[in-house]
Amino acid sequence: MKNILVTGGAGFIGSNFINYILNKRDDYFIVNLDKLTYAGNLENLRPSEKKKNYRFVKGDIINHELVNYIFQKYDIKYIINFAAESHVDRSILGSEIFYRTNVIGTNVLLEVSRRYEVERFLQISTDEVYGSLGLQGSFIETTPLSPNSPYSSSKVAADMMALAFYHTYGMPVLITRCSNNYGAYQFPEKLIPLMIINCLNDKELPVYGDGMNVRDWIYVIDHNKAVETVFENGKIGEVYNIGAENEMPNIKIVELILEHLNKSKNLIKFVKDRPGHDRRYAIDAAKIKNELGWKPEFSFENAIKDTIDWYLNNKNWWGRIISGDYQKYYEKQYNS
């Protein structure tokens, strides 16, 4: 049995990972540590909450005493750190929480992990650490880091700290950097769920700038499988890019959603561009494919339709969210 601390497991990617991995494996014992901030939702974990090899602990990764207690009580030997403040717009409005969680929190996890001599520490990062691309080329693992937002700079700091612990202390650290995820349970501030939900409510669809900012999209389950692959078979001290080669301008994503829901393009509203908005991301995932044998299994065309239908069929899930904190944020961001 592998006793694994998964941090941020009530968020979008973390909850999908826990549900996926516990449905597949009975040799993992998962302790999920999550602060339950605005984007954390225990409803995401209904498929796993009653499993014998799952425990939930509410708390903050910057709480050194709590993290130490969890390691002692559950004999933690592995850690997968999904916990992060992740929305670029929120980091522009206020950056302090991003550095507290993403940098100080990662430091706490690394220090406690070092003390208890963990066997693997997997740091979940993002392609945003690389900055922005021109019209050609893709990010590889050795692309210089060039963050352009408070969020991405905090993730760079966390990555560099994790690698420093590997080089200084010999800690068994691995890092994954993934392209933009989509799928079920994504908080409705991110592009795809925001556009789907606004569409369903016949609200305007705010699109930054000219809508031609390009992102490289991957279905969250493909990401989960890549994380499992790196966790099990990745080489210590290495970075692995994860992507599915689905580059698409934001406006094209919006148009696909409108088409699938049979809504008018008149709902689109171009708004002032975000400060420091990276123009294009594209991931070269050759390393994880060639060295570890992973490859994406879901086509974008099918998975995006399944994602849209999930939000269509789960109005109770997102309805409770947009009636509270998110709605206030949305009104401040776009309607002020």
C-alpha atoms as a PDB file:
ATOM      1  CA  MET A   1       0.000   0.000   0.000  1.00  0.00           C
ATOM      2  CA  LYS A   2       1.321   3.448  -0.934  1.00  0.00           C
ATOM      3  CA  ASN A   3       0.342   6.109   1.597  1.00  0.00           C
ATOM      4  CA  ILE A   4       0.050   9.284  -0.470  1.00  0.00           C
ATOM      5  CA  LEU A   5      -0.687  12.839   0.594  1.00  0.00           C
ATOM      6  CA  VAL A   6      -2.579  14.599  -2.192  1.00  0.00           C
ATOM      7  CA  THR A   7      -2.856  18.331  -1.604  1.00  0.00           C
ATOM      8  CA  GLY A   8      -5.562  20.443  -3.214  1.00  0.00           C
ATOM      9  CA  GLY A   9      -7.633  17.345  -3.850  1.00  0.00           C
ATOM     10  CA  ALA A  10     -10.987  19.137  -3.681  1.00  0.00           C
ATOM     11  CA  GLY A  11     -10.159  21.369  -6.623  1.00  0.00           C
ATOM     12  CA  PHE A  12     -10.772  20.685 -10.287  1.00  0.00           C
ATOM     13  CA  ILE A  13      -7.683  18.695 -11.292  1.00  0.00           C
ATOM     14  CA  GLY A  14      -6.992  17.214  -7.859  1.00  0.00           C
ATOM     15  CA  SER A  15     -10.509  15.841  -7.380  1.00  0.00           C
ATOM     16  CA  ASN A  16     -10.552  14.372 -10.858  1.00  0.00           C
ATOM     17  CA  PHE A  17      -7.227  12.686 -10.100  1.00  0.00           C
ATOM     18  CA  ILE A  18      -8.432  11.208  -6.800  1.00  0.00           C
ATOM     19  CA  ASN A  19     -11.653   9.897  -8.342  1.00  0.00           C
ATOM     20  CA  TYR A  20      -9.726   8.430 -11.265  1.00  0.00           C
ATOM     21  CA  ILE A  21      -6.949   6.804  -9.262  1.00  0.00           C
ATOM     22  CA  LEU A  22      -9.137   5.329  -6.506  1.00  0.00           C
ATOM     23  CA  ASN A  23     -11.484   3.857  -9.086  1.00  0.00           C
ATOM     24  CA  LYS A  24      -8.506   2.172 -10.728  1.00  0.00           C
ATOM     25  CA  ARG A  25      -6.193   1.145  -7.897  1.00  0.00           C
ATOM     26  CA  ASP A  26      -6.624  -0.371  -4.451  1.00  0.00           C
ATOM     27  CA  ASP A  27      -2.920  -0.160  -3.595  1.00  0.00           C
ATOM     28  CA  TYR A  28      -3.083   3.614  -3.029  1.00  0.00           C
ATOM     29  CA  PHE A  29      -4.170   5.077   0.310  1.00  0.00           C
ATOM     30  CA  ILE A  30      -4.993   8.741  -0.343  1.00  0.00           C
ATOM     31  CA  VAL A  31      -5.038  11.471   2.299  1.00  0.00           C
ATOM     32  CA  ASN A  32      -6.530  14.593   0.739  1.00  0.00           C
ATOM     33  CA  LEU A  33      -5.471  17.878   2.376  1.00  0.00           C
ATOM     34  CA  ASP A  34      -7.468  20.848   1.124  1.00  0.00           C
ATOM     35  CA  LYS A  35      -8.227  24.256   2.613  1.00  0.00           C
ATOM     36  CA  LEU A  36     -11.606  24.378   0.813  1.00  0.00           C
ATOM     37  CA  THR A  37     -11.151  27.850  -0.596  1.00  0.00           C
ATOM     38  CA  TYR A  38     -13.676  29.215  -3.091  1.00  0.00           C
ATOM     39  CA  ALA A  39     -12.556  26.694  -5.751  1.00  0.00           C
ATOM     40  CA  GLY A  40     -12.512  23.636  -3.461  1.00  0.00           C
ATOM     41  CA  ASN A  41     -15.673  21.565  -3.380  1.00  0.00           C
ATOM     42  CA  LEU A  42     -16.194  18.273  -1.569  1.00  0.00           C
ATOM     43  CA  GLU A  43     -19.092  17.488  -3.894  1.00  0.00           C
ATOM     44  CA  ASN A  44     -16.433  16.818  -6.527  1.00  0.00           C
ATOM     45  CA  LEU A  45     -15.331  13.822  -4.449  1.00  0.00           C
ATOM     46  CA  ARG A  46     -18.644  12.008  -4.002  1.00  0.00           C
ATOM     47  CA  PRO A  47     -17.343   8.990  -5.998  1.00  0.00           C
ATOM     48  CA  SER A  48     -14.472   8.569  -3.507  1.00  0.00           C
ATOM     49  CA  GLU A  49     -15.675   9.817  -0.137  1.00  0.00           C
ATOM     50  CA  LYS A  50     -16.804   6.421   1.199  1.00  0.00           C
ATOM     51  CA  LYS A  51     -13.840   4.394   0.004  1.00  0.00           C
ATOM     52  CA  LYS A  52     -11.798   2.690   2.738  1.00  0.00           C
ATOM     53  CA  ASN A  53      -8.522   3.914   1.253  1.00  0.00           C
ATOM     54  CA  TYR A  54      -9.475   7.610   1.288  1.00  0.00           C
ATOM     55  CA  ARG A  55      -9.348  10.264   4.019  1.00  0.00           C
ATOM     56  CA  PHE A  56     -10.067  13.979   3.856  1.00  0.00           C
ATOM     57  CA  VAL A  57      -8.378  16.573   6.067  1.00  0.00           C
ATOM     58  CA  LYS A  58      -9.418  20.211   5.937  1.00  0.00           C
ATOM     59  CA  GLY A  59      -6.454  22.514   6.306  1.00  0.00           C
ATOM     60  CA  ASP A  60      -3.860  24.788   4.767  1.00  0.00           C
ATOM     61  CA  ILE A  61      -0.557  23.539   3.360  1.00  0.00           C
ATOM     62  CA  ILE A  62       1.214  26.482   5.008  1.00  0.00           C
ATOM     63  CA  ASN A  63       0.244  25.041   8.415  1.00  0.00           C
ATOM     64  CA  HIS A  64       3.503  23.303   9.304  1.00  0.00           C
ATOM     65  CA  GLU A  65       2.125  21.614  12.436  1.00  0.00           C
ATOM     66  CA  LEU A  66      -0.859  20.172  10.576  1.00  0.00           C
ATOM     67  CA  VAL A  67       1.245  18.846   7.710  1.00  0.00           C
ATOM     68  CA  ASN A  68       3.655  17.269  10.214  1.00  0.00           C
ATOM     69  CA  TYR A  69       0.702  15.689  12.062  1.00  0.00           C
ATOM     70  CA  ILE A  70      -0.646  14.173   8.832  1.00  0.00           C
ATOM     71  CA  PHE A  71       2.737  12.655   7.996  1.00  0.00           C
ATOM     72  CA  GLN A  72       2.947  11.119  11.464  1.00  0.00           C
ATOM     73  CA  LYS A  73      -0.613   9.835  11.689  1.00  0.00           C
ATOM     74  CA  TYR A  74      -0.827   8.323   8.218  1.00  0.00           C
ATOM     75  CA  ASP A  75       2.818   7.336   7.715  1.00  0.00           C
ATOM     76  CA  ILE A  76       3.025   9.367   4.510  1.00  0.00           C
ATOM     77  CA  LYS A  77       5.772   8.300   2.125  1.00  0.00           C
ATOM     78  CA  TYR A  78       4.581   9.970  -1.080  1.00  0.00           C
ATOM     79  CA  ILE A  79       3.177  13.382  -1.961  1.00  0.00           C
ATOM     80  CA  ILE A  80       1.453  14.833  -5.025  1.00  0.00           C
ATOM     81  CA  ASN A  81       1.109  18.593  -4.690  1.00  0.00           C
ATOM     82  CA  PHE A  82      -1.873  19.893  -6.663  1.00  0.00           C
ATOM     83  CA  ALA A  83      -2.588  22.650  -4.130  1.00  0.00           C
ATOM     84  CA  ALA A  84      -2.331  26.096  -5.710  1.00  0.00           C
ATOM     85  CA  GLU A  85      -4.042  29.373  -6.267  1.00  0.00           C
ATOM     86  CA  SER A  86      -4.309  29.206 -10.019  1.00  0.00           C
ATOM     87  CA  HIS A  87      -6.471  31.874 -11.652  1.00  0.00           C
ATOM     88  CA  VAL A  88      -4.375  34.514 -13.427  1.00  0.00           C
ATOM     89  CA  ASP A  89      -7.059  37.217 -13.184  1.00  0.00           C
ATOM     90  CA  ARG A  90      -7.258  36.819  -9.410  1.00  0.00           C
ATOM     91  CA  SER A  91      -3.466  37.023  -9.139  1.00  0.00           C
ATOM     92  CA  ILE A  92      -3.579  40.362 -10.945  1.00  0.00           C
ATOM     93  CA  LEU A  93      -6.234  41.677  -8.564  1.00  0.00           C
ATOM     94  CA  GLY A  94      -4.240  40.536  -5.515  1.00  0.00           C
ATOM     95  CA  SER A  95      -1.044  38.501  -5.529  1.00  0.00           C
ATOM     96  CA  GLU A  96      -0.251  37.860  -1.831  1.00  0.00           C
ATOM     97  CA  ILE A  97      -2.309  34.690  -1.439  1.00  0.00           C
ATOM     98  CA  PHE A  98      -0.631  33.245  -4.542  1.00  0.00           C
ATOM     99  CA  TYR A  99       2.824  33.569  -3.003  1.00  0.00           C
ATOM    100  CA  ARG A 100       1.636  32.323   0.394  1.00  0.00           C
ATOM    101  CA  THR A 101       0.038  29.172  -0.993  1.00  0.00           C
ATOM    102  CA  ASN A 102       2.160  28.418  -4.034  1.00  0.00           C
ATOM    103  CA  VAL A 103       5.567  29.340  -2.599  1.00  0.00           C
ATOM    104  CA  ILE A 104       5.445  29.188   1.212  1.00  0.00           C
ATOM    105  CA  GLY A 105       3.021  26.252   1.113  1.00  0.00           C
ATOM    106  CA  THR A 106       5.302  24.298  -1.206  1.00  0.00           C
ATOM    107  CA  ASN A 107       8.237  25.056   1.083  1.00  0.00           C
ATOM    108  CA  VAL A 108       6.362  23.643   4.075  1.00  0.00           C
ATOM    109  CA  LEU A 109       5.546  20.468   2.155  1.00  0.00           C
ATOM    110  CA  LEU A 110       9.143  20.072   1.028  1.00  0.00           C
ATOM    111  CA  GLU A 111      10.580  20.607   4.515  1.00  0.00           C
ATOM    112  CA  VAL A 112       8.235  18.104   6.150  1.00  0.00           C
ATOM    113  CA  SER A 113       8.761  15.638   3.300  1.00  0.00           C
ATOM    114  CA  ARG A 114      12.517  15.909   3.749  1.00  0.00           C
ATOM    115  CA  ARG A 115      12.219  15.244   7.466  1.00  0.00           C
ATOM    116  CA  TYR A 116      10.153  12.107   6.894  1.00  0.00           C
ATOM    117  CA  GLU A 117      12.271  10.950   3.953  1.00  0.00           C
ATOM    118  CA  VAL A 118       9.473  10.640   1.412  1.00  0.00           C
ATOM    119  CA  GLU A 119      10.067   8.313  -1.502  1.00  0.00           C
ATOM    120  CA  ARG A 120       8.532  10.613  -4.142  1.00  0.00           C
ATOM    121  CA  PHE A 121       7.473  14.258  -4.217  1.00  0.00           C
ATOM    122  CA  LEU A 122       5.545  15.171  -7.359  1.00  0.00           C
ATOM    123  CA  GLN A 123       5.121  18.911  -7.923  1.00  0.00           C
ATOM    124  CA  ILE A 124       2.225  19.734 -10.264  1.00  0.00           C
ATOM    125  CA  SER A 125       3.102  22.839 -12.259  1.00  0.00           C
ATOM    126  CA  THR A 126       1.931  24.626 -15.411  1.00  0.00           C
ATOM    127  CA  ASP A 127       3.065  25.576 -18.900  1.00  0.00           C
ATOM    128  CA  GLU A 128       2.551  29.225 -17.902  1.00  0.00           C
ATOM    129  CA  VAL A 129       5.992  29.209 -16.260  1.00  0.00           C
ATOM    130  CA  TYR A 130       7.510  29.369 -19.745  1.00  0.00           C
ATOM    131  CA  GLY A 131       5.825  32.650 -20.659  1.00  0.00           C
ATOM    132  CA  SER A 132       4.552  33.394 -24.152  1.00  0.00           C
ATOM    133  CA  LEU A 133       5.392  31.905 -27.553  1.00  0.00           C
ATOM    134  CA  GLY A 134       5.455  33.520 -30.976  1.00  0.00           C
ATOM    135  CA  LEU A 135       3.657  32.059 -33.965  1.00  0.00           C
ATOM    136  CA  GLN A 136       5.969  29.035 -34.177  1.00  0.00           C
ATOM    137  CA  GLY A 137       7.524  26.525 -31.823  1.00  0.00           C
ATOM    138  CA  SER A 138       6.543  24.714 -28.628  1.00  0.00           C
ATOM    139  CA  PHE A 139       7.675  24.658 -25.025  1.00  0.00           C
ATOM    140  CA  ILE A 140      10.166  21.927 -24.169  1.00  0.00           C
ATOM    141  CA  GLU A 141      11.386  21.093 -20.687  1.00  0.00           C
ATOM    142  CA  THR A 142      14.547  23.177 -21.160  1.00  0.00           C
ATOM    143  CA  THR A 143      12.744  26.287 -22.441  1.00  0.00           C
ATOM    144  CA  PRO A 144      13.872  29.229 -20.254  1.00  0.00           C
ATOM    145  CA  LEU A 145      11.315  30.164 -17.616  1.00  0.00           C
ATOM    146  CA  SER A 146       9.779  33.572 -18.271  1.00  0.00           C
ATOM    147  CA  PRO A 147       6.626  34.159 -16.177  1.00  0.00           C
ATOM    148  CA  ASN A 148       4.399  37.115 -17.043  1.00  0.00           C
ATOM    149  CA  SER A 149       1.843  37.117 -14.211  1.00  0.00           C
ATOM    150  CA  PRO A 150       1.973  36.928 -10.423  1.00  0.00           C
ATOM    151  CA  TYR A 151       0.436  33.446 -10.685  1.00  0.00           C
ATOM    152  CA  SER A 152       3.035  32.062 -13.080  1.00  0.00           C
ATOM    153  CA  SER A 153       5.891  33.686 -11.165  1.00  0.00           C
ATOM    154  CA  SER A 154       4.712  31.957  -7.977  1.00  0.00           C
ATOM    155  CA  LYS A 155       4.718  28.615  -9.790  1.00  0.00           C
ATOM    156  CA  VAL A 156       8.230  29.260 -11.102  1.00  0.00           C
ATOM    157  CA  ALA A 157       9.385  29.909  -7.537  1.00  0.00           C
ATOM    158  CA  ALA A 158       7.786  26.663  -6.353  1.00  0.00           C
ATOM    159  CA  ASP A 159       9.356  24.661  -9.181  1.00  0.00           C
ATOM    160  CA  MET A 160      12.800  26.093  -8.552  1.00  0.00           C
ATOM    161  CA  MET A 161      12.489  25.404  -4.828  1.00  0.00           C
ATOM    162  CA  ALA A 162      11.515  21.785  -5.483  1.00  0.00           C
ATOM    163  CA  LEU A 163      14.500  21.311  -7.791  1.00  0.00           C
ATOM    164  CA  ALA A 164      16.760  23.007  -5.232  1.00  0.00           C
ATOM    165  CA  PHE A 165      15.675  20.429  -2.636  1.00  0.00           C
ATOM    166  CA  TYR A 166      16.560  17.701  -5.137  1.00  0.00           C
ATOM    167  CA  HIS A 167      20.018  19.114  -5.835  1.00  0.00           C
ATOM    168  CA  THR A 168      20.792  20.120  -2.231  1.00  0.00           C
ATOM    169  CA  TYR A 169      19.278  17.290  -0.215  1.00  0.00           C
ATOM    170  CA  GLY A 170      18.821  14.557  -2.801  1.00  0.00           C
ATOM    171  CA  MET A 171      15.042  14.686  -2.331  1.00  0.00           C
ATOM    172  CA  PRO A 172      13.143  12.485  -4.812  1.00  0.00           C
ATOM    173  CA  VAL A 173      11.424  15.363  -6.604  1.00  0.00           C
ATOM    174  CA  LEU A 174       9.620  15.257  -9.962  1.00  0.00           C
ATOM    175  CA  ILE A 175       7.790  18.079 -11.748  1.00  0.00           C
ATOM    176  CA  THR A 176       5.040  18.031 -14.349  1.00  0.00           C
ATOM    177  CA  ARG A 177       4.058  21.061 -16.421  1.00  0.00           C
ATOM    178  CA  CYS A 178       0.723  20.704 -18.145  1.00  0.00           C
ATOM    179  CA  SER A 179      -1.202  22.680 -20.733  1.00  0.00           C
ATOM    180  CA  ASN A 180      -4.728  24.031 -20.132  1.00  0.00           C
ATOM    181  CA  ASN A 181      -7.119  21.453 -18.684  1.00  0.00           C
ATOM    182  CA  TYR A 182     -10.843  21.100 -19.319  1.00  0.00           C
ATOM    183  CA  GLY A 183     -13.484  18.686 -18.066  1.00  0.00           C
ATOM    184  CA  ALA A 184     -16.016  18.120 -15.288  1.00  0.00           C
ATOM    185  CA  TYR A 185     -15.883  20.032 -11.975  1.00  0.00           C
ATOM    186  CA  GLN A 186     -13.877  23.004 -13.261  1.00  0.00           C
ATOM    187  CA  PHE A 187     -14.664  26.160 -11.331  1.00  0.00           C
ATOM    188  CA  PRO A 188     -16.755  28.598 -13.412  1.00  0.00           C
ATOM    189  CA  GLU A 189     -14.158  31.357 -13.579  1.00  0.00           C
ATOM    190  CA  LYS A 190     -12.077  29.512 -16.178  1.00  0.00           C
ATOM    191  CA  LEU A 191     -12.735  30.014 -19.885  1.00  0.00           C
ATOM    192  CA  ILE A 192     -14.606  26.862 -20.864  1.00  0.00           C
ATOM    193  CA  PRO A 193     -17.032  26.507 -17.912  1.00  0.00           C
ATOM    194  CA  LEU A 194     -17.588  30.278 -17.834  1.00  0.00           C
ATOM    195  CA  MET A 195     -18.595  30.322 -21.490  1.00  0.00           C
ATOM    196  CA  ILE A 196     -20.776  27.216 -21.169  1.00  0.00           C
ATOM    197  CA  ILE A 197     -22.668  28.543 -18.148  1.00  0.00           C
ATOM    198  CA  ASN A 198     -23.112  32.042 -19.574  1.00  0.00           C
ATOM    199  CA  CYS A 199     -24.336  30.465 -22.781  1.00  0.00           C
ATOM    200  CA  LEU A 200     -26.897  28.360 -20.933  1.00  0.00           C
ATOM    201  CA  ASN A 201     -28.107  31.526 -19.175  1.00  0.00           C
ATOM    202  CA  ASP A 202     -28.085  33.626 -22.381  1.00  0.00           C
ATOM    203  CA  LYS A 203     -25.522  35.997 -20.859  1.00  0.00           C
ATOM    204  CA  GLU A 204     -22.753  37.815 -22.670  1.00  0.00           C
ATOM    205  CA  LEU A 205     -19.579  35.842 -23.312  1.00  0.00           C
ATOM    206  CA  PRO A 206     -16.627  38.109 -22.380  1.00  0.00           C
ATOM    207  CA  VAL A 207     -13.625  37.437 -24.620  1.00  0.00           C
ATOM    208  CA  TYR A 208     -10.334  39.190 -23.935  1.00  0.00           C
ATOM    209  CA  GLY A 209      -8.784  41.339 -26.676  1.00  0.00           C
ATOM    210  CA  ASP A 210      -9.255  39.961 -30.186  1.00  0.00           C
ATOM    211  CA  GLY A 211      -9.870  36.409 -28.973  1.00  0.00           C
ATOM    212  CA  MET A 212      -6.788  35.112 -30.768  1.00  0.00           C
ATOM    213  CA  ASN A 213      -4.771  34.168 -27.706  1.00  0.00           C
ATOM    214  CA  VAL A 214      -3.893  30.512 -28.290  1.00  0.00           C
ATOM    215  CA  ARG A 215      -3.961  27.798 -25.639  1.00  0.00           C
ATOM    216  CA  ASP A 216      -3.021  24.120 -25.853  1.00  0.00           C
ATOM    217  CA  TRP A 217      -5.869  22.039 -24.387  1.00  0.00           C
ATOM    218  CA  ILE A 218      -5.873  18.655 -22.663  1.00  0.00           C
ATOM    219  CA  TYR A 219      -8.763  16.661 -21.197  1.00  0.00           C
ATOM    220  CA  VAL A 220      -8.355  16.383 -17.428  1.00  0.00           C
ATOM    221  CA  ILE A 221      -8.499  12.557 -17.476  1.00  0.00           C
ATOM    222  CA  ASP A 222      -5.574  12.438 -19.903  1.00  0.00           C
ATOM    223  CA  HIS A 223      -3.729  14.717 -17.480  1.00  0.00           C
ATOM    224  CA  ASN A 224      -4.602  12.380 -14.591  1.00  0.00           C
ATOM    225  CA  LYS A 225      -3.145   9.425 -16.466  1.00  0.00           C
ATOM    226  CA  ALA A 226       0.018  11.366 -17.214  1.00  0.00           C
ATOM    227  CA  VAL A 227       0.401  12.296 -13.539  1.00  0.00           C
ATOM    228  CA  GLU A 228       0.025   8.629 -12.597  1.00  0.00           C
ATOM    229  CA  THR A 229       2.646   7.682 -15.195  1.00  0.00           C
ATOM    230  CA  VAL A 230       5.187  10.219 -13.922  1.00  0.00           C
ATOM    231  CA  PHE A 231       4.457   9.354 -10.294  1.00  0.00           C
ATOM    232  CA  GLU A 232       5.039   5.663 -10.926  1.00  0.00           C
ATOM    233  CA  ASN A 233       7.798   5.699 -13.524  1.00  0.00           C
ATOM    234  CA  GLY A 234       9.299   9.186 -13.854  1.00  0.00           C
ATOM    235  CA  LYS A 235      13.005   9.718 -13.303  1.00  0.00           C
ATOM    236  CA  ILE A 236      13.827  11.566 -10.090  1.00  0.00           C
ATOM    237  CA  GLY A 237      14.930  15.168 -10.623  1.00  0.00           C
ATOM    238  CA  GLU A 238      13.280  15.428 -14.033  1.00  0.00           C
ATOM    239  CA  VAL A 239      10.625  17.756 -15.468  1.00  0.00           C
ATOM    240  CA  TYR A 240       7.934  16.351 -17.784  1.00  0.00           C
ATOM    241  CA  ASN A 241       5.724  18.450 -20.045  1.00  0.00           C
ATOM    242  CA  ILE A 242       2.176  17.180 -20.508  1.00  0.00           C
ATOM    243  CA  GLY A 243       0.066  18.205 -23.505  1.00  0.00           C
ATOM    244  CA  ALA A 244      -2.247  16.826 -26.169  1.00  0.00           C
ATOM    245  CA  GLU A 245      -1.345  19.043 -29.152  1.00  0.00           C
ATOM    246  CA  ASN A 246      -4.714  20.797 -29.247  1.00  0.00           C
ATOM    247  CA  GLU A 247      -3.780  24.393 -29.968  1.00  0.00           C
ATOM    248  CA  MET A 248      -6.790  26.636 -30.386  1.00  0.00           C
ATOM    249  CA  PRO A 249      -7.562  30.372 -30.206  1.00  0.00           C
ATOM    250  CA  ASN A 250      -9.913  31.322 -27.386  1.00  0.00           C
ATOM    251  CA  ILE A 251     -12.497  32.639 -29.827  1.00  0.00           C
ATOM    252  CA  LYS A 252     -12.639  29.229 -31.547  1.00  0.00           C
ATOM    253  CA  ILE A 253     -13.390  27.560 -28.203  1.00  0.00           C
ATOM    254  CA  VAL A 254     -16.222  30.035 -27.618  1.00  0.00           C
ATOM    255  CA  GLU A 255     -17.633  29.414 -31.096  1.00  0.00           C
ATOM    256  CA  LEU A 256     -17.550  25.631 -30.578  1.00  0.00           C
ATOM    257  CA  ILE A 257     -19.541  26.008 -27.370  1.00  0.00           C
ATOM    258  CA  LEU A 258     -22.086  28.280 -29.067  1.00  0.00           C
ATOM    259  CA  GLU A 259     -22.459  25.815 -31.920  1.00  0.00           C
ATOM    260  CA  HIS A 260     -22.918  22.808 -29.643  1.00  0.00           C
ATOM    261  CA  LEU A 261     -25.547  24.626 -27.576  1.00  0.00           C
ATOM    262  CA  ASN A 262     -27.209  26.146 -30.651  1.00  0.00           C
ATOM    263  CA  LYS A 263     -26.713  29.715 -29.433  1.00  0.00           C
ATOM    264  CA  SER A 264     -26.092  32.933 -31.357  1.00  0.00           C
ATOM    265  CA  LYS A 265     -22.635  34.467 -31.822  1.00  0.00           C
ATOM    266  CA  ASN A 266     -24.264  37.750 -30.814  1.00  0.00           C
ATOM    267  CA  LEU A 267     -23.624  36.695 -27.221  1.00  0.00           C
ATOM    268  CA  ILE A 268     -19.883  37.276 -27.728  1.00  0.00           C
ATOM    269  CA  LYS A 269     -18.565  40.506 -26.219  1.00  0.00           C
ATOM    270  CA  PHE A 270     -14.937  41.480 -26.748  1.00  0.00           C
ATOM    271  CA  VAL A 271     -13.544  43.144 -23.616  1.00  0.00           C
ATOM    272  CA  LYS A 272     -10.325  44.950 -22.720  1.00  0.00           C
ATOM    273  CA  ASP A 273      -7.394  42.566 -22.760  1.00  0.00           C
ATOM    274  CA  ARG A 274      -5.880  41.257 -19.545  1.00  0.00           C
ATOM    275  CA  PRO A 275      -2.563  42.856 -18.437  1.00  0.00           C
ATOM    276  CA  GLY A 276       0.432  40.724 -19.420  1.00  0.00           C
ATOM    277  CA  HIS A 277      -1.789  38.316 -21.363  1.00  0.00           C
ATOM    278  CA  ASP A 278       0.422  35.601 -22.884  1.00  0.00           C
ATOM    279  CA  ARG A 279      -0.282  35.307 -26.595  1.00  0.00           C
ATOM    280  CA  ARG A 280       0.327  31.646 -27.257  1.00  0.00           C
ATOM    281  CA  TYR A 281       1.119  28.415 -25.404  1.00  0.00           C
ATOM    282  CA  ALA A 282       2.045  25.107 -27.025  1.00  0.00           C
ATOM    283  CA  ILE A 283       3.475  22.042 -25.299  1.00  0.00           C
ATOM    284  CA  ASP A 284       5.962  19.585 -26.757  1.00  0.00           C
ATOM    285  CA  ALA A 285       5.226  16.372 -24.822  1.00  0.00           C
ATOM    286  CA  ALA A 286       7.768  14.204 -26.675  1.00  0.00           C
ATOM    287  CA  LYS A 287       9.740  13.445 -23.502  1.00  0.00           C
ATOM    288  CA  ILE A 288       6.913  11.827 -21.542  1.00  0.00           C
ATOM    289  CA  LYS A 289       5.752   9.995 -24.663  1.00  0.00           C
ATOM    290  CA  ASN A 290       9.159   8.646 -25.648  1.00  0.00           C
ATOM    291  CA  GLU A 291      10.591   7.937 -22.191  1.00  0.00           C
ATOM    292  CA  LEU A 292       7.504   6.844 -20.245  1.00  0.00           C
ATOM    293  CA  GLY A 293       5.118   5.656 -22.965  1.00  0.00           C
ATOM    294  CA  TRP A 294       2.247   8.005 -22.113  1.00  0.00           C
ATOM    295  CA  LYS A 295       0.001   9.475 -24.788  1.00  0.00           C
ATOM    296  CA  PRO A 296      -3.399  11.218 -24.719  1.00  0.00           C
ATOM    297  CA  GLU A 297      -6.373   8.953 -25.341  1.00  0.00           C
ATOM    298  CA  PHE A 298      -9.256  11.427 -25.772  1.00  0.00           C
ATOM    299  CA  SER A 299      -9.881  13.440 -28.920  1.00  0.00           C
ATOM    300  CA  PHE A 300     -10.609  17.101 -28.341  1.00  0.00           C
ATOM    301  CA  GLU A 301     -13.734  16.931 -30.496  1.00  0.00           C
ATOM    302  CA  ASN A 302     -15.360  14.244 -28.349  1.00  0.00           C
ATOM    303  CA  ALA A 303     -14.077  15.359 -24.952  1.00  0.00           C
ATOM    304  CA  ILE A 304     -15.167  18.985 -25.359  1.00  0.00           C
ATOM    305  CA  LYS A 305     -18.673  17.827 -26.266  1.00  0.00           C
ATOM    306  CA  ASP A 306     -18.735  15.546 -23.218  1.00  0.00           C
ATOM    307  CA  THR A 307     -17.576  18.479 -21.084  1.00  0.00           C
ATOM    308  CA  ILE A 308     -20.289  20.790 -22.390  1.00  0.00           C
ATOM    309  CA  ASP A 309     -22.901  18.096 -21.788  1.00  0.00           C
ATOM    310  CA  TRP A 310     -21.628  17.569 -18.227  1.00  0.00           C
ATOM    311  CA  TYR A 311     -22.286  21.217 -17.372  1.00  0.00           C
ATOM    312  CA  LEU A 312     -25.636  21.015 -19.151  1.00  0.00           C
ATOM    313  CA  ASN A 313     -26.605  18.045 -16.981  1.00  0.00           C
ATOM    314  CA  ASN A 314     -25.157  19.316 -13.688  1.00  0.00           C
ATOM    315  CA  LYS A 315     -26.809  22.683 -13.182  1.00  0.00           C
ATOM    316  CA  ASN A 316     -27.217  22.036  -9.460  1.00  0.00           C
ATOM    317  CA  TRP A 317     -23.421  21.815  -9.089  1.00  0.00           C
ATOM    318  CA  TRP A 318     -22.584  25.097 -10.771  1.00  0.00           C
ATOM    319  CA  GLY A 319     -25.800  26.877  -9.794  1.00  0.00           C
ATOM    320  CA  ARG A 320     -24.793  26.953  -6.151  1.00  0.00           C
ATOM    321  CA  ILE A 321     -21.382  28.283  -7.080  1.00  0.00           C
ATOM    322  CA  ILE A 322     -22.415  31.198  -9.270  1.00  0.00           C
ATOM    323  CA  SER A 323     -24.963  32.370  -6.713  1.00  0.00           C
ATOM    324  CA  GLY A 324     -22.190  33.157  -4.248  1.00  0.00           C
ATOM    325  CA  ASP A 325     -18.550  34.242  -4.278  1.00  0.00           C
ATOM    326  CA  TYR A 326     -18.002  33.681  -7.971  1.00  0.00           C
ATOM    327  CA  GLN A 327     -20.934  35.849  -8.989  1.00  0.00           C
ATOM    328  CA  LYS A 328     -19.515  38.771  -6.991  1.00  0.00           C
ATOM    329  CA  TYR A 329     -16.122  38.245  -8.626  1.00  0.00           C
ATOM    330  CA  TYR A 330     -17.636  38.032 -12.103  1.00  0.00           C
ATOM    331  CA  GLU A 331     -19.554  41.287 -11.668  1.00  0.00           C
ATOM    332  CA  LYS A 332     -16.458  43.091 -10.387  1.00  0.00           C
ATOM    333  CA  GLN A 333     -14.236  41.793 -13.169  1.00  0.00           C
ATOM    334  CA  TYR A 334     -16.413  42.329 -16.206  1.00  0.00           C
ATOM    335  CA  ASN A 335     -19.306  44.648 -15.344  1.00  0.00           C
ATOM    336  CA  SER A 336     -17.647  47.434 -13.380  1.00  0.00           C
END
